[in-house]
Protein backbone atom coordinates (compact mmCIF):
# COMPACT_ATOMS: atom_id res chain seq x y z
CA MET A 1 -30.61 42.53 17.70
CA LEU A 2 -30.38 39.14 16.27
CA PHE A 3 -28.07 40.14 13.40
CA ASP A 4 -25.93 42.68 15.42
CA ILE A 5 -22.36 41.51 14.99
CA ARG A 6 -21.82 42.14 18.77
CA THR A 7 -24.32 39.13 19.27
CA ILE A 8 -22.64 37.00 16.82
CA VAL A 9 -19.34 37.49 18.45
CA GLY A 10 -20.56 37.11 21.88
CA ALA A 11 -22.30 33.87 20.94
CA LEU A 12 -19.35 32.54 19.27
CA LEU A 13 -16.99 33.52 21.93
CA GLY A 14 -19.49 31.89 24.51
CA SER A 15 -19.66 28.74 22.87
CA TYR A 16 -15.94 28.48 22.68
CA ALA A 17 -15.66 29.43 26.35
CA VAL A 18 -17.94 26.68 27.07
CA ILE A 19 -15.97 23.97 25.38
CA LEU A 20 -12.76 25.40 26.85
CA VAL A 21 -14.04 25.41 30.31
CA VAL A 22 -15.54 21.68 30.15
CA THR A 23 -12.26 20.61 28.58
CA GLY A 24 -10.20 22.45 31.53
CA LEU A 25 -12.32 20.64 34.31
CA VAL A 26 -12.47 17.22 32.49
CA HIS A 27 -9.22 16.83 30.89
CA ASP A 28 -6.66 18.19 33.22
CA THR A 29 -3.75 15.99 33.36
CA GLY A 30 -0.53 16.29 35.14
CA ALA A 31 1.45 16.25 31.94
CA GLU A 32 -0.74 19.12 30.51
CA GLU A 33 -0.08 21.06 33.83
CA ALA A 34 3.81 20.33 33.45
CA LYS A 35 3.90 21.98 30.01
CA THR A 36 2.31 25.11 31.11
CA GLY A 37 3.83 25.50 34.86
CA GLY A 38 1.14 24.10 36.79
CA VAL A 39 -1.59 26.11 35.44
CA ASN A 40 -4.89 24.89 34.04
CA VAL A 41 -4.84 27.06 30.77
CA ASN A 42 -8.01 25.93 29.18
CA LEU A 43 -9.97 26.86 32.31
CA TRP A 44 -8.54 30.34 32.51
CA ALA A 45 -9.04 30.94 29.03
CA GLY A 46 -12.52 29.64 28.99
CA LEU A 47 -13.39 31.97 31.95
CA GLY A 48 -11.49 34.94 30.13
CA MET A 49 -13.52 34.13 26.89
CA GLY A 50 -16.81 33.76 28.88
CA ALA A 51 -16.24 37.44 30.38
CA VAL A 52 -15.44 38.95 27.36
CA ALA A 53 -18.73 37.25 25.80
CA LEU A 54 -20.74 38.17 28.61
CA ALA A 55 -19.45 41.85 27.91
CA PHE A 56 -20.43 41.79 24.34
CA LEU A 57 -23.85 40.60 25.06
CA VAL A 58 -24.27 43.33 27.73
CA TRP A 59 -23.17 45.68 25.37
CA ALA A 60 -25.37 44.81 22.99
CA LEU A 61 -28.51 44.73 25.28
CA LEU A 62 -27.54 48.21 26.83
CA ARG A 63 -26.84 49.98 23.47
CA PRO A 64 -29.25 48.54 20.95
CA VAL A 65 -28.78 49.80 17.11
CA SER A 66 -31.13 52.35 16.17
CA VAL A 67 -32.20 52.52 12.74
CA PRO A 68 -33.62 56.06 11.68
CA THR A 69 -37.34 55.82 10.68
CA GLU A 70 -37.33 58.83 8.59
CA ALA A 71 -35.57 59.19 4.99
CA PRO A 72 -32.92 62.00 4.76
CA ASP A 73 -34.32 64.84 2.66
CA GLU A 74 -33.26 65.50 -0.82
CA ASP A 75 -31.99 68.99 -0.01
CA SER A 76 -29.59 68.06 2.58
CA SER A 77 -27.41 65.72 0.40
CA PRO A 78 -24.05 66.87 -0.84
CA GLU A 79 -24.09 67.54 -4.75
CA ALA A 80 -21.14 66.42 -6.85
């Protein structure tokens, strides 16, 4: 599960989400809210990204990749 692309994407989105939420909570000035119409965009984008990251990680946990244990038969392969 470590090298599953869903885990990597979820972890990357999660790390960006943490950075955006912290930035939205700490560095929220009136000048920045005036640019966005009074909305704390960093906070909302971070929360949305965190939700998507959580969805990716839950998806990877609930539907793990299954690797076949048996080699395919030589008779069933298509001939060129």
